[in-house]
Amino acid sequence: MDLAPDDAVALSTFYDSLQSLNDFVKDWWAREGQLPVNIFNSILHSADRSLEAALVCIERFDLDRQFPPHVAALGDISSRIKKSQSSAARTAEVHIARVEAKAKAEKTAALGQRRR
């Protein structure tokens, strides 16, 4: 099948993003000294890039129309990806807030100990 150049670029971008995410997940444990929050954020960011690239491909190849959901209440592929992205954004916000609160509490505790 011959693809238009823009279609080939869209597919290549999508598959490259998946490969990048796969490579990161395979060796995340080998990142000695890296903060867990940074690892978590990197995975979320890579997954979001893959989902963005998937949305481009879904639109280019009209996949929502070609592959409607088996159960209409689930929504089409695009809407499910957008829901996933929204959920991931909320998760990231909560995670960052938790990390910042912990850091603040640790700093406050350290200051309290110095004053004694």
PDB file of N, CA and C in Angstrom:
ATOM      1  N   MET A   1       0.842  -1.177   0.000  1.00  0.00           N
ATOM      2  CA  MET A   1       0.000   0.000   0.000  1.00  0.00           C
ATOM      3  C   MET A   1       0.887   1.239   0.000  1.00  0.00           C
ATOM      4  N   ASP A   2       0.633   2.138  -0.922  1.00  0.00           N
ATOM      5  CA  ASP A   2       1.376   3.388  -0.987  1.00  0.00           C
ATOM      6  C   ASP A   2       0.699   4.414  -0.100  1.00  0.00           C
ATOM      7  N   LEU A   3       1.500   5.088   0.699  1.00  0.00           N
ATOM      8  CA  LEU A   3       0.977   6.121   1.585  1.00  0.00           C
ATOM      9  C   LEU A   3       1.440   7.484   1.119  1.00  0.00           C
ATOM     10  N   ALA A   4       0.575   8.455   1.313  1.00  0.00           N
ATOM     11  CA  ALA A   4       0.985   9.840   1.069  1.00  0.00           C
ATOM     12  C   ALA A   4       2.086  10.166   2.072  1.00  0.00           C
ATOM     13  N   PRO A   5       3.010  11.057   1.713  1.00  0.00           N
ATOM     14  CA  PRO A   5       4.112  11.386   2.620  1.00  0.00           C
ATOM     15  C   PRO A   5       3.646  11.799   4.027  1.00  0.00           C
ATOM     16  N   ASP A   6       2.612  12.623   4.115  1.00  0.00           N
ATOM     17  CA  ASP A   6       2.128  13.056   5.429  1.00  0.00           C
ATOM     18  C   ASP A   6       1.560  11.896   6.236  1.00  0.00           C
ATOM     19  N   ASP A   7       0.921  10.950   5.566  1.00  0.00           N
ATOM     20  CA  ASP A   7       0.399   9.769   6.250  1.00  0.00           C
ATOM     21  C   ASP A   7       1.543   8.907   6.773  1.00  0.00           C
ATOM     22  N   ALA A   8       2.573   8.740   5.951  1.00  0.00           N
ATOM     23  CA  ALA A   8       3.742   7.952   6.362  1.00  0.00           C
ATOM     24  C   ALA A   8       4.431   8.602   7.563  1.00  0.00           C
ATOM     25  N   VAL A   9       4.530   9.924   7.562  1.00  0.00           N
ATOM     26  CA  VAL A   9       5.147  10.643   8.682  1.00  0.00           C
ATOM     27  C   VAL A   9       4.309  10.453   9.944  1.00  0.00           C
ATOM     28  N   ALA A  10       2.997  10.538   9.812  1.00  0.00           N
ATOM     29  CA  ALA A  10       2.120  10.359  10.979  1.00  0.00           C
ATOM     30  C   ALA A  10       2.294   8.963  11.581  1.00  0.00           C
ATOM     31  N   LEU A  11       2.308   7.945  10.739  1.00  0.00           N
ATOM     32  CA  LEU A  11       2.494   6.577  11.237  1.00  0.00           C
ATOM     33  C   LEU A  11       3.877   6.388  11.853  1.00  0.00           C
ATOM     34  N   SER A  12       4.876   6.915  11.199  1.00  0.00           N
ATOM     35  CA  SER A  12       6.239   6.802  11.712  1.00  0.00           C
ATOM     36  C   SER A  12       6.374   7.492  13.069  1.00  0.00           C
ATOM     37  N   THR A  13       5.774   8.662  13.201  1.00  0.00           N
ATOM     38  CA  THR A  13       5.806   9.386  14.471  1.00  0.00           C
ATOM     39  C   THR A  13       5.133   8.574  15.565  1.00  0.00           C
ATOM     40  N   PHE A  14       3.990   7.989  15.241  1.00  0.00           N
ATOM     41  CA  PHE A  14       3.273   7.172  16.218  1.00  0.00           C
ATOM     42  C   PHE A  14       4.113   5.972  16.648  1.00  0.00           C
ATOM     43  N   TYR A  15       4.631   5.217  15.680  1.00  0.00           N
ATOM     44  CA  TYR A  15       5.415   4.030  16.024  1.00  0.00           C
ATOM     45  C   TYR A  15       6.711   4.397  16.739  1.00  0.00           C
ATOM     46  N   ASP A  16       7.342   5.499  16.369  1.00  0.00           N
ATOM     47  CA  ASP A  16       8.544   5.955  17.073  1.00  0.00           C
ATOM     48  C   ASP A  16       8.223   6.293  18.529  1.00  0.00           C
ATOM     49  N   SER A  17       7.066   6.915  18.762  1.00  0.00           N
ATOM     50  CA  SER A  17       6.694   7.267  20.135  1.00  0.00           C
ATOM     51  C   SER A  17       6.460   6.011  20.967  1.00  0.00           C
ATOM     52  N   LEU A  18       5.866   4.999  20.351  1.00  0.00           N
ATOM     53  CA  LEU A  18       5.661   3.738  21.071  1.00  0.00           C
ATOM     54  C   LEU A  18       6.991   3.062  21.390  1.00  0.00           C
ATOM     55  N   GLN A  19       7.897   3.090  20.437  1.00  0.00           N
ATOM     56  CA  GLN A  19       9.217   2.476  20.656  1.00  0.00           C
ATOM     57  C   GLN A  19       9.974   3.215  21.757  1.00  0.00           C
ATOM     58  N   SER A  20       9.889   4.528  21.757  1.00  0.00           N
ATOM     59  CA  SER A  20      10.548   5.336  22.784  1.00  0.00           C
ATOM     60  C   SER A  20       9.989   5.009  24.171  1.00  0.00           C
ATOM     61  N   LEU A  21       8.681   4.920  24.269  1.00  0.00           N
ATOM     62  CA  LEU A  21       8.046   4.574  25.541  1.00  0.00           C
ATOM     63  C   LEU A  21       8.469   3.170  25.968  1.00  0.00           C
ATOM     64  N   ASN A  22       8.460   2.235  25.042  1.00  0.00           N
ATOM     65  CA  ASN A  22       8.875   0.866  25.333  1.00  0.00           C
ATOM     66  C   ASN A  22      10.310   0.826  25.859  1.00  0.00           C
ATOM     67  N   ASP A  23      11.205   1.540  25.197  1.00  0.00           N
ATOM     68  CA  ASP A  23      12.609   1.558  25.614  1.00  0.00           C
ATOM     69  C   ASP A  23      12.763   2.151  27.012  1.00  0.00           C
ATOM     70  N   PHE A  24      12.036   3.217  27.291  1.00  0.00           N
ATOM     71  CA  PHE A  24      12.120   3.849  28.605  1.00  0.00           C
ATOM     72  C   PHE A  24      11.615   2.906  29.693  1.00  0.00           C
ATOM     73  N   VAL A  25      10.485   2.280  29.442  1.00  0.00           N
ATOM     74  CA  VAL A  25       9.909   1.377  30.442  1.00  0.00           C
ATOM     75  C   VAL A  25      10.834   0.184  30.686  1.00  0.00           C
ATOM     76  N   LYS A  26      11.475  -0.313  29.641  1.00  0.00           N
ATOM     77  CA  LYS A  26      12.368  -1.455  29.788  1.00  0.00           C
ATOM     78  C   LYS A  26      13.543  -1.152  30.714  1.00  0.00           C
ATOM     79  N   ASP A  27      14.060   0.074  30.675  1.00  0.00           N
ATOM     80  CA  ASP A  27      15.268   0.338  31.468  1.00  0.00           C
ATOM     81  C   ASP A  27      15.084   1.423  32.525  1.00  0.00           C
ATOM     82  N   TRP A  28      13.854   1.715  32.925  1.00  0.00           N
ATOM     83  CA  TRP A  28      13.652   2.759  33.929  1.00  0.00           C
ATOM     84  C   TRP A  28      14.343   2.416  35.231  1.00  0.00           C
ATOM     85  N   TRP A  29      14.386   1.148  35.579  1.00  0.00           N
ATOM     86  CA  TRP A  29      15.001   0.719  36.838  1.00  0.00           C
ATOM     87  C   TRP A  29      16.502   0.949  36.835  1.00  0.00           C
ATOM     88  N   ALA A  30      17.107   1.039  35.663  1.00  0.00           N
ATOM     89  CA  ALA A  30      18.559   1.217  35.567  1.00  0.00           C
ATOM     90  C   ALA A  30      18.964   2.680  35.710  1.00  0.00           C
ATOM     91  N   ARG A  31      18.030   3.540  35.971  1.00  0.00           N
ATOM     92  CA  ARG A  31      18.321   4.966  36.081  1.00  0.00           C
ATOM     93  C   ARG A  31      18.667   5.312  37.525  1.00  0.00           C
ATOM     94  N   GLU A  32      19.798   4.802  37.945  1.00  0.00           N
ATOM     95  CA  GLU A  32      20.242   4.986  39.320  1.00  0.00           C
ATOM     96  C   GLU A  32      20.335   6.467  39.671  1.00  0.00           C
ATOM     97  N   GLY A  33      19.824   6.791  40.838  1.00  0.00           N
ATOM     98  CA  GLY A  33      19.900   8.166  41.315  1.00  0.00           C
ATOM     99  C   GLY A  33      18.782   9.059  40.816  1.00  0.00           C
ATOM    100  N   GLN A  34      17.969   8.583  39.906  1.00  0.00           N
ATOM    101  CA  GLN A  34      16.874   9.404  39.399  1.00  0.00           C
ATOM    102  C   GLN A  34      15.694   9.345  40.372  1.00  0.00           C
ATOM    103  N   LEU A  35      15.111  10.482  40.615  1.00  0.00           N
ATOM    104  CA  LEU A  35      13.977  10.548  41.527  1.00  0.00           C
ATOM    105  C   LEU A  35      12.779   9.816  40.937  1.00  0.00           C
ATOM    106  N   PRO A  36      12.069   9.074  41.771  1.00  0.00           N
ATOM    107  CA  PRO A  36      10.879   8.368  41.277  1.00  0.00           C
ATOM    108  C   PRO A  36       9.871   9.315  40.611  1.00  0.00           C
ATOM    109  N   VAL A  37       9.746  10.533  41.133  1.00  0.00           N
ATOM    110  CA  VAL A  37       8.799  11.479  40.526  1.00  0.00           C
ATOM    111  C   VAL A  37       9.206  11.808  39.091  1.00  0.00           C
ATOM    112  N   ASN A  38      10.497  11.879  38.826  1.00  0.00           N
ATOM    113  CA  ASN A  38      10.954  12.164  37.465  1.00  0.00           C
ATOM    114  C   ASN A  38      10.687  10.993  36.529  1.00  0.00           C
ATOM    115  N   ILE A  39      10.874   9.788  37.048  1.00  0.00           N
ATOM    116  CA  ILE A  39      10.583   8.599  36.242  1.00  0.00           C
ATOM    117  C   ILE A  39       9.101   8.555  35.909  1.00  0.00           C
ATOM    118  N   PHE A  40       8.263   8.772  36.923  1.00  0.00           N
ATOM    119  CA  PHE A  40       6.814   8.771  36.727  1.00  0.00           C
ATOM    120  C   PHE A  40       6.405   9.820  35.703  1.00  0.00           C
ATOM    121  N   ASN A  41       6.940  11.025  35.852  1.00  0.00           N
ATOM    122  CA  ASN A  41       6.593  12.102  34.925  1.00  0.00           C
ATOM    123  C   ASN A  41       7.068  11.804  33.504  1.00  0.00           C
ATOM    124  N   SER A  42       8.221  11.185  33.373  1.00  0.00           N
ATOM    125  CA  SER A  42       8.732  10.825  32.039  1.00  0.00           C
ATOM    126  C   SER A  42       7.831   9.802  31.361  1.00  0.00           C
ATOM    127  N   ILE A  43       7.387   8.829  32.135  1.00  0.00           N
ATOM    128  CA  ILE A  43       6.492   7.813  31.562  1.00  0.00           C
ATOM    129  C   ILE A  43       5.174   8.454  31.148  1.00  0.00           C
ATOM    130  N   LEU A  44       4.606   9.298  32.022  1.00  0.00           N
ATOM    131  CA  LEU A  44       3.354   9.974  31.666  1.00  0.00           C
ATOM    132  C   LEU A  44       3.516  10.827  30.413  1.00  0.00           C
ATOM    133  N   HIS A  45       4.624  11.554  30.336  1.00  0.00           N
ATOM    134  CA  HIS A  45       4.856  12.428  29.180  1.00  0.00           C
ATOM    135  C   HIS A  45       4.996  11.604  27.896  1.00  0.00           C
ATOM    136  N   SER A  46       5.749  10.521  27.968  1.00  0.00           N
ATOM    137  CA  SER A  46       5.929   9.678  26.780  1.00  0.00           C
ATOM    138  C   SER A  46       4.610   9.039  26.347  1.00  0.00           C
ATOM    139  N   ALA A  47       3.838   8.593  27.310  1.00  0.00           N
ATOM    140  CA  ALA A  47       2.540   7.989  26.986  1.00  0.00           C
ATOM    141  C   ALA A  47       1.624   9.032  26.350  1.00  0.00           C
ATOM    142  N   ASP A  48       1.640  10.252  26.873  1.00  0.00           N
ATOM    143  CA  ASP A  48       0.797  11.307  26.303  1.00  0.00           C
ATOM    144  C   ASP A  48       1.218  11.636  24.872  1.00  0.00           C
ATOM    145  N   ARG A  49       2.527  11.674  24.615  1.00  0.00           N
ATOM    146  CA  ARG A  49       3.007  11.919  23.241  1.00  0.00           C
ATOM    147  C   ARG A  49       2.516  10.819  22.299  1.00  0.00           C
ATOM    148  N   SER A  50       2.540   9.580  22.767  1.00  0.00           N
ATOM    149  CA  SER A  50       2.055   8.475  21.938  1.00  0.00           C
ATOM    150  C   SER A  50       0.569   8.611  21.656  1.00  0.00           C
ATOM    151  N   LEU A  51      -0.187   9.006  22.677  1.00  0.00           N
ATOM    152  CA  LEU A  51      -1.628   9.174  22.475  1.00  0.00           C
ATOM    153  C   LEU A  51      -1.920  10.328  21.520  1.00  0.00           C
ATOM    154  N   GLU A  52      -1.158  11.407  21.607  1.00  0.00           N
ATOM    155  CA  GLU A  52      -1.333  12.525  20.667  1.00  0.00           C
ATOM    156  C   GLU A  52      -1.055  12.067  19.239  1.00  0.00           C
ATOM    157  N   ALA A  53       0.008  11.298  19.075  1.00  0.00           N
ATOM    158  CA  ALA A  53       0.342  10.782  17.737  1.00  0.00           C
ATOM    159  C   ALA A  53      -0.745   9.819  17.250  1.00  0.00           C
ATOM    160  N   ALA A  54      -1.303   9.044  18.169  1.00  0.00           N
ATOM    161  CA  ALA A  54      -2.392   8.127  17.799  1.00  0.00           C
ATOM    162  C   ALA A  54      -3.606   8.909  17.315  1.00  0.00           C
ATOM    163  N   LEU A  55      -3.924  10.011  17.997  1.00  0.00           N
ATOM    164  CA  LEU A  55      -5.075  10.825  17.572  1.00  0.00           C
ATOM    165  C   LEU A  55      -4.894  11.353  16.154  1.00  0.00           C
ATOM    166  N   VAL A  56      -3.669  11.739  15.820  1.00  0.00           N
ATOM    167  CA  VAL A  56      -3.391  12.216  14.464  1.00  0.00           C
ATOM    168  C   VAL A  56      -3.660  11.099  13.460  1.00  0.00           C
ATOM    169  N   CYS A  57      -3.192   9.901  13.772  1.00  0.00           N
ATOM    170  CA  CYS A  57      -3.392   8.764  12.864  1.00  0.00           C
ATOM    171  C   CYS A  57      -4.869   8.393  12.763  1.00  0.00           C
ATOM    172  N   ILE A  58      -5.565   8.430  13.885  1.00  0.00           N
ATOM    173  CA  ILE A  58      -6.994   8.096  13.873  1.00  0.00           C
ATOM    174  C   ILE A  58      -7.743   9.041  12.951  1.00  0.00           C
ATOM    175  N   GLU A  59      -7.397  10.317  13.019  1.00  0.00           N
ATOM    176  CA  GLU A  59      -8.061  11.292  12.152  1.00  0.00           C
ATOM    177  C   GLU A  59      -7.659  11.101  10.691  1.00  0.00           C
ATOM    178  N   ARG A  60      -6.356  10.938  10.446  1.00  0.00           N
ATOM    179  CA  ARG A  60      -5.869  10.795   9.071  1.00  0.00           C
ATOM    180  C   ARG A  60      -6.466   9.595   8.355  1.00  0.00           C
ATOM    181  N   PHE A  61      -6.600   8.491   9.079  1.00  0.00           N
ATOM    182  CA  PHE A  61      -7.055   7.249   8.460  1.00  0.00           C
ATOM    183  C   PHE A  61      -8.525   6.947   8.765  1.00  0.00           C
ATOM    184  N   ASP A  62      -9.213   7.912   9.351  1.00  0.00           N
ATOM    185  CA  ASP A  62     -10.649   7.809   9.623  1.00  0.00           C
ATOM    186  C   ASP A  62     -10.991   6.523  10.390  1.00  0.00           C
ATOM    187  N   LEU A  63     -10.195   6.234  11.403  1.00  0.00           N
ATOM    188  CA  LEU A  63     -10.342   4.978  12.130  1.00  0.00           C
ATOM    189  C   LEU A  63     -11.584   4.934  13.017  1.00  0.00           C
ATOM    190  N   ASP A  64     -12.027   6.093  13.493  1.00  0.00           N
ATOM    191  CA  ASP A  64     -13.248   6.088  14.308  1.00  0.00           C
ATOM    192  C   ASP A  64     -14.446   5.577  13.505  1.00  0.00           C
ATOM    193  N   ARG A  65     -14.495   5.958  12.237  1.00  0.00           N
ATOM    194  CA  ARG A  65     -15.595   5.504  11.386  1.00  0.00           C
ATOM    195  C   ARG A  65     -15.402   4.045  10.978  1.00  0.00           C
ATOM    196  N   GLN A  66     -14.167   3.689  10.667  1.00  0.00           N
ATOM    197  CA  GLN A  66     -13.897   2.322  10.209  1.00  0.00           C
ATOM    198  C   GLN A  66     -14.029   1.280  11.310  1.00  0.00           C
ATOM    199  N   PHE A  67     -13.763   1.694  12.547  1.00  0.00           N
ATOM    200  CA  PHE A  67     -13.804   0.763  13.674  1.00  0.00           C
ATOM    201  C   PHE A  67     -14.657   1.339  14.796  1.00  0.00           C
ATOM    202  N   PRO A  68     -15.966   1.352  14.593  1.00  0.00           N
ATOM    203  CA  PRO A  68     -16.848   1.885  15.645  1.00  0.00           C
ATOM    204  C   PRO A  68     -16.795   0.966  16.879  1.00  0.00           C
ATOM    205  N   PRO A  69     -17.130   1.517  18.029  1.00  0.00           N
ATOM    206  CA  PRO A  69     -17.075   0.690  19.248  1.00  0.00           C
ATOM    207  C   PRO A  69     -18.125  -0.432  19.202  1.00  0.00           C
ATOM    208  N   HIS A  70     -17.787  -1.542  19.806  1.00  0.00           N
ATOM    209  CA  HIS A  70     -18.744  -2.654  19.886  1.00  0.00           C
ATOM    210  C   HIS A  70     -19.912  -2.292  20.794  1.00  0.00           C
ATOM    211  N   VAL A  71     -19.618  -1.463  21.780  1.00  0.00           N
ATOM    212  CA  VAL A  71     -20.642  -0.977  22.698  1.00  0.00           C
ATOM    213  C   VAL A  71     -20.622   0.546  22.605  1.00  0.00           C
ATOM    214  N   ALA A  72     -21.696   1.125  22.108  1.00  0.00           N
ATOM    215  CA  ALA A  72     -21.738   2.567  21.843  1.00  0.00           C
ATOM    216  C   ALA A  72     -21.409   3.408  23.074  1.00  0.00           C
ATOM    217  N   ALA A  73     -21.782   2.929  24.245  1.00  0.00           N
ATOM    218  CA  ALA A  73     -21.548   3.689  25.476  1.00  0.00           C
ATOM    219  C   ALA A  73     -20.058   3.876  25.762  1.00  0.00           C
ATOM    220  N   LEU A  74     -19.221   3.017  25.191  1.00  0.00           N
ATOM    221  CA  LEU A  74     -17.781   3.150  25.404  1.00  0.00           C
ATOM    222  C   LEU A  74     -17.200   4.344  24.661  1.00  0.00           C
ATOM    223  N   GLY A  75     -17.832   4.747  23.598  1.00  0.00           N
ATOM    224  CA  GLY A  75     -17.317   5.838  22.779  1.00  0.00           C
ATOM    225  C   GLY A  75     -16.322   5.324  21.757  1.00  0.00           C
ATOM    226  N   ASP A  76     -16.009   6.188  20.805  1.00  0.00           N
ATOM    227  CA  ASP A  76     -15.062   5.786  19.769  1.00  0.00           C
ATOM    228  C   ASP A  76     -13.630   5.855  20.301  1.00  0.00           C
ATOM    229  N   ILE A  77     -12.690   5.450  19.467  1.00  0.00           N
ATOM    230  CA  ILE A  77     -11.292   5.392  19.879  1.00  0.00           C
ATOM    231  C   ILE A  77     -10.800   6.773  20.322  1.00  0.00           C
ATOM    232  N   SER A  78     -11.114   7.780  19.571  1.00  0.00           N
ATOM    233  CA  SER A  78     -10.659   9.135  19.898  1.00  0.00           C
ATOM    234  C   SER A  78     -11.176   9.596  21.246  1.00  0.00           C
ATOM    235  N   SER A  79     -12.443   9.372  21.503  1.00  0.00           N
ATOM    236  CA  SER A  79     -12.996   9.832  22.777  1.00  0.00           C
ATOM    237  C   SER A  79     -12.387   9.070  23.948  1.00  0.00           C
ATOM    238  N   ARG A  80     -12.081   7.801  23.761  1.00  0.00           N
ATOM    239  CA  ARG A  80     -11.456   7.030  24.841  1.00  0.00           C
ATOM    240  C   ARG A  80     -10.034   7.509  25.099  1.00  0.00           C
ATOM    241  N   ILE A  81      -9.326   7.857  24.022  1.00  0.00           N
ATOM    242  CA  ILE A  81      -7.971   8.396  24.199  1.00  0.00           C
ATOM    243  C   ILE A  81      -8.038   9.726  24.938  1.00  0.00           C
ATOM    244  N   LYS A  82      -8.969  10.585  24.557  1.00  0.00           N
ATOM    245  CA  LYS A  82      -9.095  11.881  25.220  1.00  0.00           C
ATOM    246  C   LYS A  82      -9.456  11.722  26.696  1.00  0.00           C
ATOM    247  N   LYS A  83     -10.300  10.751  27.020  1.00  0.00           N
ATOM    248  CA  LYS A  83     -10.624  10.475  28.424  1.00  0.00           C
ATOM    249  C   LYS A  83      -9.378  10.004  29.173  1.00  0.00           C
ATOM    250  N   SER A  84      -8.596   9.161  28.525  1.00  0.00           N
ATOM    251  CA  SER A  84      -7.356   8.679  29.141  1.00  0.00           C
ATOM    252  C   SER A  84      -6.394   9.826  29.395  1.00  0.00           C
ATOM    253  N   GLN A  85      -6.290  10.726  28.431  1.00  0.00           N
ATOM    254  CA  GLN A  85      -5.407  11.874  28.599  1.00  0.00           C
ATOM    255  C   GLN A  85      -5.875  12.769  29.745  1.00  0.00           C
ATOM    256  N   SER A  86      -7.165  12.964  29.841  1.00  0.00           N
ATOM    257  CA  SER A  86      -7.711  13.780  30.926  1.00  0.00           C
ATOM    258  C   SER A  86      -7.432  13.129  32.276  1.00  0.00           C
ATOM    259  N   SER A  87      -7.624  11.841  32.351  1.00  0.00           N
ATOM    260  CA  SER A  87      -7.353  11.102  33.586  1.00  0.00           C
ATOM    261  C   SER A  87      -5.871  11.167  33.944  1.00  0.00           C
ATOM    262  N   ALA A  88      -5.010  11.025  32.954  1.00  0.00           N
ATOM    263  CA  ALA A  88      -3.567  11.091  33.198  1.00  0.00           C
ATOM    264  C   ALA A  88      -3.154  12.482  33.683  1.00  0.00           C
ATOM    265  N   ALA A  89      -3.767  13.512  33.123  1.00  0.00           N
ATOM    266  CA  ALA A  89      -3.454  14.882  33.557  1.00  0.00           C
ATOM    267  C   ALA A  89      -3.862  15.079  35.014  1.00  0.00           C
ATOM    268  N   ARG A  90      -5.021  14.582  35.385  1.00  0.00           N
ATOM    269  CA  ARG A  90      -5.466  14.685  36.789  1.00  0.00           C
ATOM    270  C   ARG A  90      -4.532  13.888  37.706  1.00  0.00           C
ATOM    271  N   THR A  91      -4.126  12.712  37.268  1.00  0.00           N
ATOM    272  CA  THR A  91      -3.211  11.887  38.042  1.00  0.00           C
ATOM    273  C   THR A  91      -1.884  12.609  38.246  1.00  0.00           C
ATOM    274  N   ALA A  92      -1.383  13.218  37.194  1.00  0.00           N
ATOM    275  CA  ALA A  92      -0.121  13.951  37.298  1.00  0.00           C
ATOM    276  C   ALA A  92      -0.245  15.120  38.273  1.00  0.00           C
ATOM    277  N   GLU A  93      -1.347  15.834  38.219  1.00  0.00           N
ATOM    278  CA  GLU A  93      -1.557  16.961  39.132  1.00  0.00           C
ATOM    279  C   GLU A  93      -1.558  16.490  40.583  1.00  0.00           C
ATOM    280  N   VAL A  94      -2.264  15.407  40.859  1.00  0.00           N
ATOM    281  CA  VAL A  94      -2.328  14.866  42.224  1.00  0.00           C
ATOM    282  C   VAL A  94      -0.948  14.387  42.661  1.00  0.00           C
ATOM    283  N   HIS A  95      -0.251  13.706  41.765  1.00  0.00           N
ATOM    284  CA  HIS A  95       1.073  13.188  42.079  1.00  0.00           C
ATOM    285  C   HIS A  95       2.037  14.336  42.392  1.00  0.00           C
ATOM    286  N   ILE A  96       2.035  15.353  41.568  1.00  0.00           N
ATOM    287  CA  ILE A  96       2.930  16.498  41.783  1.00  0.00           C
ATOM    288  C   ILE A  96       2.576  17.211  43.088  1.00  0.00           C
ATOM    289  N   ALA A  97       1.300  17.391  43.345  1.00  0.00           N
ATOM    290  CA  ALA A  97       0.880  18.033  44.602  1.00  0.00           C
ATOM    291  C   ALA A  97       1.349  17.226  45.807  1.00  0.00           C
ATOM    292  N   ARG A  98       1.249  15.901  45.727  1.00  0.00           N
ATOM    293  CA  ARG A  98       1.680  15.035  46.829  1.00  0.00           C
ATOM    294  C   ARG A  98       3.187  15.158  47.041  1.00  0.00           C
ATOM    295  N   VAL A  99       3.950  15.158  45.963  1.00  0.00           N
ATOM    296  CA  VAL A  99       5.406  15.277  46.063  1.00  0.00           C
ATOM    297  C   VAL A  99       5.786  16.639  46.641  1.00  0.00           C
ATOM    298  N   GLU A 100       5.123  17.697  46.173  1.00  0.00           N
ATOM    299  CA  GLU A 100       5.417  19.037  46.683  1.00  0.00           C
ATOM    300  C   GLU A 100       5.045  19.158  48.161  1.00  0.00           C
ATOM    301  N   ALA A 101       3.922  18.572  48.565  1.00  0.00           N
ATOM    302  CA  ALA A 101       3.512  18.613  49.972  1.00  0.00           C
ATOM    303  C   ALA A 101       4.514  17.854  50.843  1.00  0.00           C
ATOM    304  N   LYS A 102       4.979  16.733  50.367  1.00  0.00           N
ATOM    305  CA  LYS A 102       5.968  15.949  51.114  1.00  0.00           C
ATOM    306  C   LYS A 102       7.268  16.728  51.259  1.00  0.00           C
ATOM    307  N   ALA A 103       7.711  17.352  50.169  1.00  0.00           N
ATOM    308  CA  ALA A 103       8.945  18.142  50.210  1.00  0.00           C
ATOM    309  C   ALA A 103       8.799  19.314  51.173  1.00  0.00           C
ATOM    310  N   LYS A 104       7.652  19.954  51.167  1.00  0.00           N
ATOM    311  CA  LYS A 104       7.401  21.083  52.068  1.00  0.00           C
ATOM    312  C   LYS A 104       7.405  20.612  53.519  1.00  0.00           C
ATOM    313  N   ALA A 105       6.760  19.489  53.798  1.00  0.00           N
ATOM    314  CA  ALA A 105       6.721  18.945  55.152  1.00  0.00           C
ATOM    315  C   ALA A 105       8.121  18.576  55.627  1.00  0.00           C
ATOM    316  N   GLU A 106       8.920  17.989  54.749  1.00  0.00           N
ATOM    317  CA  GLU A 106      10.298  17.632  55.110  1.00  0.00           C
ATOM    318  C   GLU A 106      11.132  18.873  55.386  1.00  0.00           C
ATOM    319  N   LYS A 107      10.932  19.904  54.579  1.00  0.00           N
ATOM    320  CA  LYS A 107      11.669  21.159  54.780  1.00  0.00           C
ATOM    321  C   LYS A 107      11.259  21.808  56.098  1.00  0.00           C
ATOM    322  N   THR A 108       9.967  21.816  56.392  1.00  0.00           N
ATOM    323  CA  THR A 108       9.471  22.384  57.650  1.00  0.00           C
ATOM    324  C   THR A 108      10.032  21.602  58.831  1.00  0.00           C
ATOM    325  N   ALA A 109      10.051  20.276  58.743  1.00  0.00           N
ATOM    326  CA  ALA A 109      10.580  19.449  59.823  1.00  0.00           C
ATOM    327  C   ALA A 109      12.068  19.709  60.016  1.00  0.00           C
ATOM    328  N   ALA A 110      12.803  19.865  58.919  1.00  0.00           N
ATOM    329  CA  ALA A 110      14.247  20.134  59.016  1.00  0.00           C
ATOM    330  C   ALA A 110      14.491  21.490  59.652  1.00  0.00           C
ATOM    331  N   LEU A 111      13.707  22.494  59.309  1.00  0.00           N
ATOM    332  CA  LEU A 111      13.842  23.818  59.913  1.00  0.00           C
ATOM    333  C   LEU A 111      13.520  23.777  61.405  1.00  0.00           C
ATOM    334  N   GLY A 112      12.506  23.002  61.764  1.00  0.00           N
ATOM    335  CA  GLY A 112      12.126  22.852  63.162  1.00  0.00           C
ATOM    336  C   GLY A 112      13.237  22.205  63.989  1.00  0.00           C
ATOM    337  N   GLN A 113      13.946  21.252  63.410  1.00  0.00           N
ATOM    338  CA  GLN A 113      15.032  20.592  64.108  1.00  0.00           C
ATOM    339  C   GLN A 113      16.219  21.516  64.278  1.00  0.00           C
ATOM    340  N   ARG A 114      16.478  22.376  63.328  1.00  0.00           N
ATOM    341  CA  ARG A 114      17.603  23.323  63.396  1.00  0.00           C
ATOM    342  C   ARG A 114      17.393  24.342  64.528  1.00  0.00           C
ATOM    343  N   ARG A 115      16.153  24.695  64.752  1.00  0.00           N
ATOM    344  CA  ARG A 115      15.840  25.711  65.753  1.00  0.00           C
ATOM    345  C   ARG A 115      15.998  25.196  67.181  1.00  0.00           C
ATOM    346  N   ARG A 116      16.033  23.928  67.328  1.00  0.00           N
ATOM    347  CA  ARG A 116      16.138  23.358  68.690  1.00  0.00           C
ATOM    348  C   ARG A 116      17.497  23.465  69.233  1.00  0.00           C
TER     349      ARG A 116
END
